Each structure stands twice: as structure tokens, then as C-alpha cells.
């Protein structure tokens, strides 16, 4: 299948698919005419990539740990190794810090709105 069909089947834009390819996350075959040719396996791989991105992982992290991605009845999950566990904990810490910052900003916003 070509890039447009993969985009349609996965919900990823052609631009995102090209980005994943540039990062080495997917490696399509090439036709004799130079067009990208994707397989059914690429549909699964793109779903895994999107799930990992939605969880806050960078494409660099995904490249390191994509081999740990598994699919089951409940979607994509990661087979954890110590390095991946540490990286996920780091992402979670970062999200906690951002959440605390947003809460503080919200308090300041309410304080500004109530003055006067």
C-alpha cells in the first residue's frame, strides 16, 4: 500500500509517516518507481508509535524501545526492561512537574481575576 492508504488506515498524516521514516521508526520498501510501499505490519507499527507518542515518549525514545512494544486484546503495551522503566518514570516526573506548574498558573489567574 502507498502512503495515502497507510495514512487512511492509521489516522496518521502522510507528513507524520514521512517523519517516522526519517527517524527510522518505519522502513517502507520502495517500488521500482521509487514510491513507498507499506505492508500490513506497518499498520501495527504506526499504531504502536502513535500510542507511545501519546504517552509522552519522544521519537528518539521510541526508536530505542520500539522492539519492546507488544499488541494484545487491550491494545499496545510495553515489555519493560530496567532502562525503559527508568525512562517512563522520567516522563511521568516531567508530566507531574508540568501539572504542578499549570495548577500554580491557574491559581495566579484566579487571583488576578478576583482583584478589584
PDB file of N, CA and C in Angstrom:
ATOM      1  N   UNK A   1       0.849  -1.177   0.000  1.00  0.00           N
ATOM      2  CA  UNK A   1       0.000   0.000   0.000  1.00  0.00           C
ATOM      3  C   UNK A   1       0.890   1.234   0.000  1.00  0.00           C
ATOM      4  N   UNK A   2       0.375   2.305  -0.548  1.00  0.00           N
ATOM      5  CA  UNK A   2       1.138   3.549  -0.607  1.00  0.00           C
ATOM      6  C   UNK A   2       0.829   4.406   0.617  1.00  0.00           C
ATOM      7  N   UNK A   3       1.519   5.511   0.723  1.00  0.00           N
ATOM      8  CA  UNK A   3       1.467   6.341   1.925  1.00  0.00           C
ATOM      9  C   UNK A   3       0.055   6.846   2.237  1.00  0.00           C
ATOM     10  N   UNK A   4      -0.706   7.206   1.215  1.00  0.00           N
ATOM     11  CA  UNK A   4      -2.063   7.703   1.444  1.00  0.00           C
ATOM     12  C   UNK A   4      -2.960   6.650   2.060  1.00  0.00           C
ATOM     13  N   UNK A   5      -2.830   5.420   1.608  1.00  0.00           N
ATOM     14  CA  UNK A   5      -3.638   4.341   2.155  1.00  0.00           C
ATOM     15  C   UNK A   5      -3.230   4.029   3.596  1.00  0.00           C
ATOM     16  N   UNK A   6      -1.918   4.027   3.865  1.00  0.00           N
ATOM     17  CA  UNK A   6      -1.464   3.805   5.236  1.00  0.00           C
ATOM     18  C   UNK A   6      -1.972   4.927   6.140  1.00  0.00           C
ATOM     19  N   UNK A   7      -1.915   6.139   5.651  1.00  0.00           N
ATOM     20  CA  UNK A   7      -2.418   7.273   6.431  1.00  0.00           C
ATOM     21  C   UNK A   7      -3.898   7.091   6.747  1.00  0.00           C
ATOM     22  N   UNK A   8      -4.656   6.682   5.755  1.00  0.00           N
ATOM     23  CA  UNK A   8      -6.091   6.475   5.940  1.00  0.00           C
ATOM     24  C   UNK A   8      -6.372   5.359   6.947  1.00  0.00           C
ATOM     25  N   UNK A   9      -5.617   4.282   6.888  1.00  0.00           N
ATOM     26  CA  UNK A   9      -5.846   3.141   7.779  1.00  0.00           C
ATOM     27  C   UNK A   9      -5.379   3.381   9.204  1.00  0.00           C
ATOM     28  N   UNK A  10      -4.427   4.297   9.395  1.00  0.00           N
ATOM     29  CA  UNK A  10      -3.858   4.502  10.734  1.00  0.00           C
ATOM     30  C   UNK A  10      -4.278   5.815  11.390  1.00  0.00           C
ATOM     31  N   UNK A  11      -4.775   6.746  10.601  1.00  0.00           N
ATOM     32  CA  UNK A  11      -5.110   8.063  11.144  1.00  0.00           C
ATOM     33  C   UNK A  11      -3.893   8.962  11.286  1.00  0.00           C
ATOM     34  N   UNK A  12      -2.746   8.502  10.826  1.00  0.00           N
ATOM     35  CA  UNK A  12      -1.535   9.332  10.839  1.00  0.00           C
ATOM     36  C   UNK A  12      -1.463  10.068   9.502  1.00  0.00           C
ATOM     37  N   UNK A  13      -1.040  11.296   9.547  1.00  0.00           N
ATOM     38  CA  UNK A  13      -0.927  12.054   8.303  1.00  0.00           C
ATOM     39  C   UNK A  13       0.266  11.556   7.487  1.00  0.00           C
ATOM     40  N   UNK A  14       0.229  11.763   6.174  1.00  0.00           N
ATOM     41  CA  UNK A  14       1.408  11.406   5.374  1.00  0.00           C
ATOM     42  C   UNK A  14       2.673  12.102   5.880  1.00  0.00           C
ATOM     43  N   UNK A  15       2.520  13.336   6.330  1.00  0.00           N
ATOM     44  CA  UNK A  15       3.669  14.061   6.882  1.00  0.00           C
ATOM     45  C   UNK A  15       4.242  13.340   8.104  1.00  0.00           C
ATOM     46  N   UNK A  16       3.351  12.881   9.003  1.00  0.00           N
ATOM     47  CA  UNK A  16       3.801  12.141  10.190  1.00  0.00           C
ATOM     48  C   UNK A  16       4.494  10.845   9.780  1.00  0.00           C
ATOM     49  N   UNK A  17       3.946  10.164   8.788  1.00  0.00           N
ATOM     50  CA  UNK A  17       4.555   8.916   8.330  1.00  0.00           C
ATOM     51  C   UNK A  17       5.949   9.155   7.763  1.00  0.00           C
ATOM     52  N   UNK A  18       6.109  10.232   7.016  1.00  0.00           N
ATOM     53  CA  UNK A  18       7.441  10.558   6.499  1.00  0.00           C
ATOM     54  C   UNK A  18       8.396  10.896   7.650  1.00  0.00           C
ATOM     55  N   UNK A  19       7.875  11.582   8.673  1.00  0.00           N
ATOM     56  CA  UNK A  19       8.678  11.898   9.863  1.00  0.00           C
ATOM     57  C   UNK A  19       9.123  10.611  10.560  1.00  0.00           C
ATOM     58  N   UNK A  20       8.205   9.663  10.715  1.00  0.00           N
ATOM     59  CA  UNK A  20       8.557   8.390  11.338  1.00  0.00           C
ATOM     60  C   UNK A  20       9.641   7.688  10.526  1.00  0.00           C
ATOM     61  N   UNK A  21       9.525   7.785   9.212  1.00  0.00           N
ATOM     62  CA  UNK A  21      10.542   7.174   8.354  1.00  0.00           C
ATOM     63  C   UNK A  21      11.889   7.873   8.524  1.00  0.00           C
ATOM     64  N   UNK A  22      11.884   9.203   8.565  1.00  0.00           N
ATOM     65  CA  UNK A  22      13.134   9.955   8.761  1.00  0.00           C
ATOM     66  C   UNK A  22      13.812   9.579  10.069  1.00  0.00           C
ATOM     67  N   UNK A  23      13.013   9.267  11.081  1.00  0.00           N
ATOM     68  CA  UNK A  23      13.545   8.903  12.402  1.00  0.00           C
ATOM     69  C   UNK A  23      13.906   7.426  12.497  1.00  0.00           C
ATOM     70  N   UNK A  24      13.649   6.672  11.436  1.00  0.00           N
ATOM     71  CA  UNK A  24      13.985   5.256  11.427  1.00  0.00           C
ATOM     72  C   UNK A  24      12.990   4.374  12.164  1.00  0.00           C
ATOM     73  N   UNK A  25      11.786   4.889  12.400  1.00  0.00           N
ATOM     74  CA  UNK A  25      10.776   4.119  13.121  1.00  0.00           C
ATOM     75  C   UNK A  25      10.023   3.162  12.213  1.00  0.00           C
ATOM     76  N   UNK A  26       9.859   3.533  10.966  1.00  0.00           N
ATOM     77  CA  UNK A  26       9.294   2.643   9.950  1.00  0.00           C
ATOM     78  C   UNK A  26      10.216   2.684   8.741  1.00  0.00           C
ATOM     79  N   UNK A  27      10.305   1.577   8.066  1.00  0.00           N
ATOM     80  CA  UNK A  27      11.187   1.488   6.899  1.00  0.00           C
ATOM     81  C   UNK A  27      10.407   0.829   5.768  1.00  0.00           C
ATOM     82  N   UNK A  28       9.739   1.642   4.940  1.00  0.00           N
ATOM     83  CA  UNK A  28       8.966   1.053   3.848  1.00  0.00           C
ATOM     84  C   UNK A  28       9.864   0.526   2.737  1.00  0.00           C
ATOM     85  N   UNK A  29       9.343  -0.443   2.044  1.00  0.00           N
ATOM     86  CA  UNK A  29      10.009  -0.896   0.823  1.00  0.00           C
ATOM     87  C   UNK A  29       9.829   0.224  -0.207  1.00  0.00           C
ATOM     88  N   UNK A  30      10.540   0.125  -1.302  1.00  0.00           N
ATOM     89  CA  UNK A  30      10.386   1.073  -2.405  1.00  0.00           C
ATOM     90  C   UNK A  30      10.032   0.300  -3.671  1.00  0.00           C
ATOM     91  N   UNK A  31       9.077   0.856  -4.423  1.00  0.00           N
ATOM     92  CA  UNK A  31       8.733   0.244  -5.708  1.00  0.00           C
ATOM     93  C   UNK A  31       9.807   0.597  -6.725  1.00  0.00           C
ATOM     94  N   UNK A  32       9.744  -0.039  -7.876  1.00  0.00           N
ATOM     95  CA  UNK A  32      10.720   0.267  -8.931  1.00  0.00           C
ATOM     96  C   UNK A  32      10.616   1.726  -9.358  1.00  0.00           C
ATOM     97  N   UNK A  33       9.442   2.324  -9.153  1.00  0.00           N
ATOM     98  CA  UNK A  33       9.252   3.733  -9.482  1.00  0.00           C
ATOM     99  C   UNK A  33       9.655   4.671  -8.350  1.00  0.00           C
ATOM    100  N   UNK A  34      10.133   4.118  -7.223  1.00  0.00           N
ATOM    101  CA  UNK A  34      10.585   4.944  -6.112  1.00  0.00           C
ATOM    102  C   UNK A  34       9.517   5.271  -5.085  1.00  0.00           C
ATOM    103  N   UNK A  35       8.293   4.765  -5.273  1.00  0.00           N
ATOM    104  CA  UNK A  35       7.232   5.030  -4.307  1.00  0.00           C
ATOM    105  C   UNK A  35       7.404   4.168  -3.071  1.00  0.00           C
ATOM    106  N   UNK A  36       6.971   4.692  -1.940  1.00  0.00           N
ATOM    107  CA  UNK A  36       6.995   3.913  -0.706  1.00  0.00           C
ATOM    108  C   UNK A  36       5.934   2.822  -0.811  1.00  0.00           C
ATOM    109  N   UNK A  37       6.270   1.645  -0.337  1.00  0.00           N
ATOM    110  CA  UNK A  37       5.325   0.531  -0.310  1.00  0.00           C
ATOM    111  C   UNK A  37       5.277  -0.019   1.105  1.00  0.00           C
ATOM    112  N   UNK A  38       4.133   0.129   1.741  1.00  0.00           N
ATOM    113  CA  UNK A  38       3.967  -0.292   3.127  1.00  0.00           C
ATOM    114  C   UNK A  38       3.258  -1.643   3.194  1.00  0.00           C
ATOM    115  N   UNK A  39       3.496  -2.365   4.279  1.00  0.00           N
ATOM    116  CA  UNK A  39       2.874  -3.669   4.490  1.00  0.00           C
ATOM    117  C   UNK A  39       1.844  -3.582   5.614  1.00  0.00           C
ATOM    118  N   UNK A  40       1.144  -4.683   5.827  1.00  0.00           N
ATOM    119  CA  UNK A  40       0.188  -4.754   6.933  1.00  0.00           C
ATOM    120  C   UNK A  40       0.902  -4.568   8.270  1.00  0.00           C
ATOM    121  N   UNK A  41       2.139  -5.034   8.360  1.00  0.00           N
ATOM    122  CA  UNK A  41       2.910  -4.870   9.603  1.00  0.00           C
ATOM    123  C   UNK A  41       3.123  -3.402   9.938  1.00  0.00           C
ATOM    124  N   UNK A  42       3.196  -2.551   8.913  1.00  0.00           N
ATOM    125  CA  UNK A  42       3.388  -1.117   9.154  1.00  0.00           C
ATOM    126  C   UNK A  42       2.163  -0.487   9.810  1.00  0.00           C
ATOM    127  N   UNK A  43       0.992  -1.050   9.569  1.00  0.00           N
ATOM    128  CA  UNK A  43      -0.223  -0.550  10.232  1.00  0.00           C
ATOM    129  C   UNK A  43      -0.083  -0.730  11.741  1.00  0.00           C
ATOM    130  N   UNK A  44       0.356  -1.913  12.144  1.00  0.00           N
ATOM    131  CA  UNK A  44       0.562  -2.203  13.574  1.00  0.00           C
ATOM    132  C   UNK A  44       1.656  -1.308  14.130  1.00  0.00           C
ATOM    133  N   UNK A  45       2.761  -1.175  13.390  1.00  0.00           N
ATOM    134  CA  UNK A  45       3.895  -0.381  13.868  1.00  0.00           C
ATOM    135  C   UNK A  45       3.471   1.078  14.073  1.00  0.00           C
ATOM    136  N   UNK A  46       2.715   1.644  13.142  1.00  0.00           N
ATOM    137  CA  UNK A  46       2.278   3.037  13.278  1.00  0.00           C
ATOM    138  C   UNK A  46       1.362   3.181  14.487  1.00  0.00           C
ATOM    139  N   UNK A  47       0.493   2.211  14.726  1.00  0.00           N
ATOM    140  CA  UNK A  47      -0.368   2.258  15.919  1.00  0.00           C
ATOM    141  C   UNK A  47       0.479   2.254  17.185  1.00  0.00           C
ATOM    142  N   UNK A  48       1.534   1.441  17.200  1.00  0.00           N
ATOM    143  CA  UNK A  48       2.429   1.402  18.356  1.00  0.00           C
ATOM    144  C   UNK A  48       3.123   2.745  18.542  1.00  0.00           C
ATOM    145  N   UNK A  49       3.615   3.310  17.455  1.00  0.00           N
ATOM    146  CA  UNK A  49       4.308   4.604  17.519  1.00  0.00           C
ATOM    147  C   UNK A  49       3.365   5.675  18.051  1.00  0.00           C
ATOM    148  N   UNK A  50       2.160   5.734  17.511  1.00  0.00           N
ATOM    149  CA  UNK A  50       1.193   6.748  17.956  1.00  0.00           C
ATOM    150  C   UNK A  50       0.861   6.584  19.438  1.00  0.00           C
ATOM    151  N   UNK A  51       0.706   5.351  19.888  1.00  0.00           N
ATOM    152  CA  UNK A  51       0.409   5.103  21.300  1.00  0.00           C
ATOM    153  C   UNK A  51       1.551   5.593  22.181  1.00  0.00           C
ATOM    154  N   UNK A  52       2.765   5.325  21.765  1.00  0.00           N
ATOM    155  CA  UNK A  52       3.933   5.740  22.545  1.00  0.00           C
ATOM    156  C   UNK A  52       4.087   7.262  22.540  1.00  0.00           C
ATOM    157  N   UNK A  53       3.828   7.902  21.412  1.00  0.00           N
ATOM    158  CA  UNK A  53       3.884   9.365  21.346  1.00  0.00           C
ATOM    159  C   UNK A  53       2.813   9.964  22.246  1.00  0.00           C
ATOM    160  N   UNK A  54       1.594   9.408  22.186  1.00  0.00           N
ATOM    161  CA  UNK A  54       0.501   9.907  23.025  1.00  0.00           C
ATOM    162  C   UNK A  54       0.811   9.772  24.512  1.00  0.00           C
ATOM    163  N   UNK A  55       1.673   8.813  24.862  1.00  0.00           N
ATOM    164  CA  UNK A  55       2.071   8.623  26.262  1.00  0.00           C
ATOM    165  C   UNK A  55       3.196   9.557  26.676  1.00  0.00           C
ATOM    166  N   UNK A  56       3.735  10.332  25.723  1.00  0.00           N
ATOM    167  CA  UNK A  56       4.750  11.320  26.063  1.00  0.00           C
ATOM    168  C   UNK A  56       6.169  10.942  25.685  1.00  0.00           C
ATOM    169  N   UNK A  57       6.354   9.822  24.998  1.00  0.00           N
ATOM    170  CA  UNK A  57       7.705   9.438  24.596  1.00  0.00           C
ATOM    171  C   UNK A  57       8.119  10.202  23.340  1.00  0.00           C
ATOM    172  N   UNK A  58       9.382  10.495  23.253  1.00  0.00           N
ATOM    173  CA  UNK A  58       9.924  11.159  22.068  1.00  0.00           C
ATOM    174  C   UNK A  58      10.206  10.110  20.996  1.00  0.00           C
ATOM    175  N   UNK A  59      10.395  10.572  19.760  1.00  0.00           N
ATOM    176  CA  UNK A  59      10.717   9.619  18.701  1.00  0.00           C
ATOM    177  C   UNK A  59      12.070   8.953  18.969  1.00  0.00           C
ATOM    178  N   UNK A  60      12.994   9.654  19.608  1.00  0.00           N
ATOM    179  CA  UNK A  60      14.289   9.046  19.947  1.00  0.00           C
ATOM    180  C   UNK A  60      14.090   7.906  20.945  1.00  0.00           C
ATOM    181  N   UNK A  61      13.247   8.115  21.942  1.00  0.00           N
ATOM    182  CA  UNK A  61      12.953   7.050  22.914  1.00  0.00           C
ATOM    183  C   UNK A  61      12.234   5.895  22.237  1.00  0.00           C
ATOM    184  N   UNK A  62      11.302   6.232  21.379  1.00  0.00           N
ATOM    185  CA  UNK A  62      10.550   5.191  20.677  1.00  0.00           C
ATOM    186  C   UNK A  62      11.501   4.331  19.849  1.00  0.00           C
ATOM    187  N   UNK A  63      12.448   4.960  19.195  1.00  0.00           N
ATOM    188  CA  UNK A  63      13.397   4.200  18.385  1.00  0.00           C
ATOM    189  C   UNK A  63      14.178   3.214  19.254  1.00  0.00           C
ATOM    190  N   UNK A  64      14.556   3.645  20.454  1.00  0.00           N
ATOM    191  CA  UNK A  64      15.307   2.766  21.350  1.00  0.00           C
ATOM    192  C   UNK A  64      14.460   1.598  21.851  1.00  0.00           C
ATOM    193  N   UNK A  65      13.152   1.838  22.032  1.00  0.00           N
ATOM    194  CA  UNK A  65      12.328   0.844  22.713  1.00  0.00           C
ATOM    195  C   UNK A  65      11.188   0.260  21.872  1.00  0.00           C
ATOM    196  N   UNK A  66      11.131   0.553  20.593  1.00  0.00           N
ATOM    197  CA  UNK A  66      10.030   0.046  19.773  1.00  0.00           C
ATOM    198  C   UNK A  66       9.998  -1.477  19.766  1.00  0.00           C
ATOM    199  N   UNK A  67      11.140  -2.106  19.913  1.00  0.00           N
ATOM    200  CA  UNK A  67      11.182  -3.573  19.949  1.00  0.00           C
ATOM    201  C   UNK A  67      10.487  -4.122  21.193  1.00  0.00           C
ATOM    202  N   UNK A  68      10.248  -3.285  22.188  1.00  0.00           N
ATOM    203  CA  UNK A  68       9.567  -3.707  23.412  1.00  0.00           C
ATOM    204  C   UNK A  68       8.045  -3.611  23.277  1.00  0.00           C
ATOM    205  N   UNK A  69       7.563  -3.004  22.194  1.00  0.00           N
ATOM    206  CA  UNK A  69       6.122  -2.813  22.005  1.00  0.00           C
ATOM    207  C   UNK A  69       5.460  -4.139  21.657  1.00  0.00           C
ATOM    208  N   UNK A  70       4.353  -4.387  22.292  1.00  0.00           N
ATOM    209  CA  UNK A  70       3.563  -5.591  22.052  1.00  0.00           C
ATOM    210  C   UNK A  70       2.110  -5.177  21.850  1.00  0.00           C
ATOM    211  N   UNK A  71       1.376  -6.000  21.151  1.00  0.00           N
ATOM    212  CA  UNK A  71      -0.048  -5.745  20.957  1.00  0.00           C
ATOM    213  C   UNK A  71      -0.841  -6.925  21.480  1.00  0.00           C
ATOM    214  N   UNK A  72      -1.966  -6.616  22.093  1.00  0.00           N
ATOM    215  CA  UNK A  72      -2.827  -7.657  22.632  1.00  0.00           C
ATOM    216  C   UNK A  72      -4.274  -7.236  22.543  1.00  0.00           C
ATOM    217  N   UNK A  73      -5.108  -7.945  23.250  1.00  0.00           N
ATOM    218  CA  UNK A  73      -6.542  -7.673  23.225  1.00  0.00           C
ATOM    219  C   UNK A  73      -6.878  -6.265  23.721  1.00  0.00           C
ATOM    220  N   UNK A  74      -6.005  -5.713  24.542  1.00  0.00           N
ATOM    221  CA  UNK A  74      -6.266  -4.400  25.143  1.00  0.00           C
ATOM    222  C   UNK A  74      -5.390  -3.311  24.545  1.00  0.00           C
ATOM    223  N   UNK A  75      -4.863  -3.520  23.352  1.00  0.00           N
ATOM    224  CA  UNK A  75      -4.068  -2.502  22.683  1.00  0.00           C
ATOM    225  C   UNK A  75      -2.579  -2.714  22.849  1.00  0.00           C
ATOM    226  N   UNK A  76      -1.848  -1.629  22.638  1.00  0.00           N
ATOM    227  CA  UNK A  76      -0.390  -1.677  22.704  1.00  0.00           C
ATOM    228  C   UNK A  76       0.084  -1.577  24.144  1.00  0.00           C
ATOM    229  N   UNK A  77       1.096  -2.359  24.486  1.00  0.00           N
ATOM    230  CA  UNK A  77       1.738  -2.283  25.794  1.00  0.00           C
ATOM    231  C   UNK A  77       3.223  -2.508  25.590  1.00  0.00           C
ATOM    232  N   UNK A  78       3.994  -2.183  26.607  1.00  0.00           N
ATOM    233  CA  UNK A  78       5.445  -2.297  26.517  1.00  0.00           C
ATOM    234  C   UNK A  78       5.958  -3.360  27.476  1.00  0.00           C
ATOM    235  N   UNK A  79       6.804  -4.228  26.943  1.00  0.00           N
ATOM    236  CA  UNK A  79       7.502  -5.192  27.784  1.00  0.00           C
ATOM    237  C   UNK A  79       8.645  -4.426  28.439  1.00  0.00           C
ATOM    238  N   UNK A  80       8.576  -4.241  29.742  1.00  0.00           N
ATOM    239  CA  UNK A  80       9.502  -3.349  30.423  1.00  0.00           C
ATOM    240  C   UNK A  80      10.840  -4.000  30.750  1.00  0.00           C
ATOM    241  N   UNK A  81      11.883  -3.252  30.469  1.00  0.00           N
ATOM    242  CA  UNK A  81      13.227  -3.592  30.903  1.00  0.00           C
ATOM    243  C   UNK A  81      13.644  -2.454  31.844  1.00  0.00           C
ATOM    244  N   UNK A  82      14.700  -2.604  32.620  1.00  0.00           N
ATOM    245  CA  UNK A  82      15.067  -1.551  33.583  1.00  0.00           C
ATOM    246  C   UNK A  82      15.269  -0.164  32.943  1.00  0.00           C
ATOM    247  N   UNK A  83      15.911  -0.100  31.793  1.00  0.00           N
ATOM    248  CA  UNK A  83      16.149   1.205  31.159  1.00  0.00           C
ATOM    249  C   UNK A  83      14.843   1.855  30.719  1.00  0.00           C
ATOM    250  N   UNK A  84      13.954   1.071  30.148  1.00  0.00           N
ATOM    251  CA  UNK A  84      12.670   1.618  29.717  1.00  0.00           C
ATOM    252  C   UNK A  84      11.844   2.048  30.923  1.00  0.00           C
ATOM    253  N   UNK A  85      11.864   1.249  31.975  1.00  0.00           N
ATOM    254  CA  UNK A  85      11.126   1.602  33.199  1.00  0.00           C
ATOM    255  C   UNK A  85      11.616   2.955  33.736  1.00  0.00           C
ATOM    256  N   UNK A  86      12.931   3.169  33.733  1.00  0.00           N
ATOM    257  CA  UNK A  86      13.502   4.435  34.203  1.00  0.00           C
ATOM    258  C   UNK A  86      13.081   5.589  33.297  1.00  0.00           C
ATOM    259  N   UNK A  87      13.081   5.358  32.000  1.00  0.00           N
ATOM    260  CA  UNK A  87      12.684   6.422  31.069  1.00  0.00           C
ATOM    261  C   UNK A  87      11.212   6.785  31.236  1.00  0.00           C
ATOM    262  N   UNK A  88      10.357   5.787  31.409  1.00  0.00           N
ATOM    263  CA  UNK A  88       8.938   6.057  31.631  1.00  0.00           C
ATOM    264  C   UNK A  88       8.724   6.819  32.939  1.00  0.00           C
ATOM    265  N   UNK A  89       9.491   6.472  33.963  1.00  0.00           N
ATOM    266  CA  UNK A  89       9.398   7.189  35.236  1.00  0.00           C
ATOM    267  C   UNK A  89       9.818   8.643  35.056  1.00  0.00           C
ATOM    268  N   UNK A  90      10.821   8.874  34.241  1.00  0.00           N
ATOM    269  CA  UNK A  90      11.280  10.235  33.971  1.00  0.00           C
ATOM    270  C   UNK A  90      10.209  11.040  33.242  1.00  0.00           C
ATOM    271  N   UNK A  91       9.553  10.419  32.276  1.00  0.00           N
ATOM    272  CA  UNK A  91       8.460  11.096  31.557  1.00  0.00           C
ATOM    273  C   UNK A  91       7.335  11.422  32.536  1.00  0.00           C
ATOM    274  N   UNK A  92       7.009  10.493  33.408  1.00  0.00           N
ATOM    275  CA  UNK A  92       5.944  10.718  34.391  1.00  0.00           C
ATOM    276  C   UNK A  92       6.307  11.864  35.337  1.00  0.00           C
ATOM    277  N   UNK A  93       7.568  11.920  35.769  1.00  0.00           N
ATOM    278  CA  UNK A  93       8.021  13.024  36.632  1.00  0.00           C
ATOM    279  C   UNK A  93       7.873  14.362  35.930  1.00  0.00           C
ATOM    280  N   UNK A  94       8.248  14.382  34.675  1.00  0.00           N
ATOM    281  CA  UNK A  94       8.143  15.613  33.883  1.00  0.00           C
ATOM    282  C   UNK A  94       6.681  16.049  33.775  1.00  0.00           C
ATOM    283  N   UNK A  95       5.805  15.102  33.536  1.00  0.00           N
ATOM    284  CA  UNK A  95       4.372  15.423  33.451  1.00  0.00           C
ATOM    285  C   UNK A  95       3.839  15.931  34.789  1.00  0.00           C
ATOM    286  N   UNK A  96       4.296  15.331  35.891  1.00  0.00           N
ATOM    287  CA  UNK A  96       3.883  15.798  37.226  1.00  0.00           C
ATOM    288  C   UNK A  96       4.327  17.242  37.451  1.00  0.00           C
ATOM    289  N   UNK A  97       5.543  17.557  37.047  1.00  0.00           N
ATOM    290  CA  UNK A  97       6.064  18.920  37.206  1.00  0.00           C
ATOM    291  C   UNK A  97       5.258  19.900  36.371  1.00  0.00           C
ATOM    292  N   UNK A  98       4.933  19.513  35.157  1.00  0.00           N
ATOM    293  CA  UNK A  98       4.129  20.391  34.294  1.00  0.00           C
ATOM    294  C   UNK A  98       2.735  20.590  34.872  1.00  0.00           C
ATOM    295  N   UNK A  99       2.164  19.517  35.437  1.00  0.00           N
ATOM    296  CA  UNK A  99       0.841  19.615  36.051  1.00  0.00           C
ATOM    297  C   UNK A  99       0.874  20.568  37.245  1.00  0.00           C
ATOM    298  N   UNK A 100       1.910  20.493  38.059  1.00  0.00           N
ATOM    299  CA  UNK A 100       2.048  21.396  39.205  1.00  0.00           C
ATOM    300  C   UNK A 100       2.179  22.841  38.734  1.00  0.00           C
ATOM    301  N   UNK A 101       2.954  23.041  37.665  1.00  0.00           N
ATOM    302  CA  UNK A 101       3.114  24.390  37.111  1.00  0.00           C
ATOM    303  C   UNK A 101       1.781  24.928  36.590  1.00  0.00           C
ATOM    304  N   UNK A 102       1.022  24.093  35.923  1.00  0.00           N
ATOM    305  CA  UNK A 102      -0.287  24.525  35.419  1.00  0.00           C
ATOM    306  C   UNK A 102      -1.240  24.865  36.566  1.00  0.00           C
ATOM    307  N   UNK A 103      -1.199  24.072  37.620  1.00  0.00           N
ATOM    308  CA  UNK A 103      -2.055  24.348  38.784  1.00  0.00           C
ATOM    309  C   UNK A 103      -1.694  25.690  39.408  1.00  0.00           C
ATOM    310  N   UNK A 104      -0.390  25.971  39.511  1.00  0.00           N
ATOM    311  CA  UNK A 104       0.067  27.250  40.055  1.00  0.00           C
ATOM    312  C   UNK A 104      -0.382  28.410  39.171  1.00  0.00           C
ATOM    313  N   UNK A 105      -0.272  28.252  37.879  1.00  0.00           N
ATOM    314  CA  UNK A 105      -0.716  29.302  36.956  1.00  0.00           C
ATOM    315  C   UNK A 105      -2.212  29.541  37.067  1.00  0.00           C
ATOM    316  N   UNK A 106      -2.954  28.476  37.230  1.00  0.00           N
ATOM    317  CA  UNK A 106      -4.403  28.604  37.379  1.00  0.00           C
ATOM    318  C   UNK A 106      -4.747  29.398  38.640  1.00  0.00           C
ATOM    319  N   UNK A 107      -4.020  29.125  39.740  1.00  0.00           N
ATOM    320  CA  UNK A 107      -4.233  29.884  40.969  1.00  0.00           C
ATOM    321  C   UNK A 107      -3.924  31.367  40.759  1.00  0.00           C
ATOM    322  N   UNK A 108      -2.812  31.658  40.052  1.00  0.00           N
ATOM    323  CA  UNK A 108      -2.460  33.059  39.774  1.00  0.00           C
ATOM    324  C   UNK A 108      -3.504  33.727  38.894  1.00  0.00           C
ATOM    325  N   UNK A 109      -4.045  32.998  37.954  1.00  0.00           N
ATOM    326  CA  UNK A 109      -5.074  33.537  37.068  1.00  0.00           C
ATOM    327  C   UNK A 109      -6.327  33.881  37.869  1.00  0.00           C
ATOM    328  N   UNK A 110      -6.726  32.986  38.760  1.00  0.00           N
ATOM    329  CA  UNK A 110      -7.906  33.255  39.604  1.00  0.00           C
ATOM    330  C   UNK A 110      -7.634  34.456  40.513  1.00  0.00           C
ATOM    331  N   UNK A 111      -6.414  34.571  41.026  1.00  0.00           N
ATOM    332  CA  UNK A 111      -6.072  35.704  41.884  1.00  0.00           C
ATOM    333  C   UNK A 111      -6.164  37.011  41.102  1.00  0.00           C
ATOM    334  N   UNK A 112      -5.695  37.016  39.862  1.00  0.00           N
ATOM    335  CA  UNK A 112      -5.781  38.212  39.025  1.00  0.00           C
ATOM    336  C   UNK A 112      -7.225  38.597  38.736  1.00  0.00           C
ATOM    337  N   UNK A 113      -8.040  37.587  38.511  1.00  0.00           N
ATOM    338  CA  UNK A 113      -9.441  37.836  38.169  1.00  0.00           C
ATOM    339  C   UNK A 113     -10.253  38.319  39.365  1.00  0.00           C
ATOM    340  N   UNK A 114      -9.820  37.991  40.578  1.00  0.00           N
ATOM    341  CA  UNK A 114     -10.593  38.371  41.753  1.00  0.00           C
ATOM    342  C   UNK A 114     -10.156  39.686  42.373  1.00  0.00           C
ATOM    343  N   UNK A 115      -9.070  40.278  41.857  1.00  0.00           N
ATOM    344  CA  UNK A 115      -8.598  41.558  42.388  1.00  0.00           C
ATOM    345  C   UNK A 115      -9.456  42.660  41.803  1.00  0.00           C
ATOM    346  N   UNK A 116      -9.836  43.592  42.646  1.00  0.00           N
ATOM    347  CA  UNK A 116     -10.530  44.749  42.114  1.00  0.00           C
ATOM    348  C   UNK A 116     -11.800  44.949  42.745  1.00  0.00           C
TER     349      UNK A 116
END
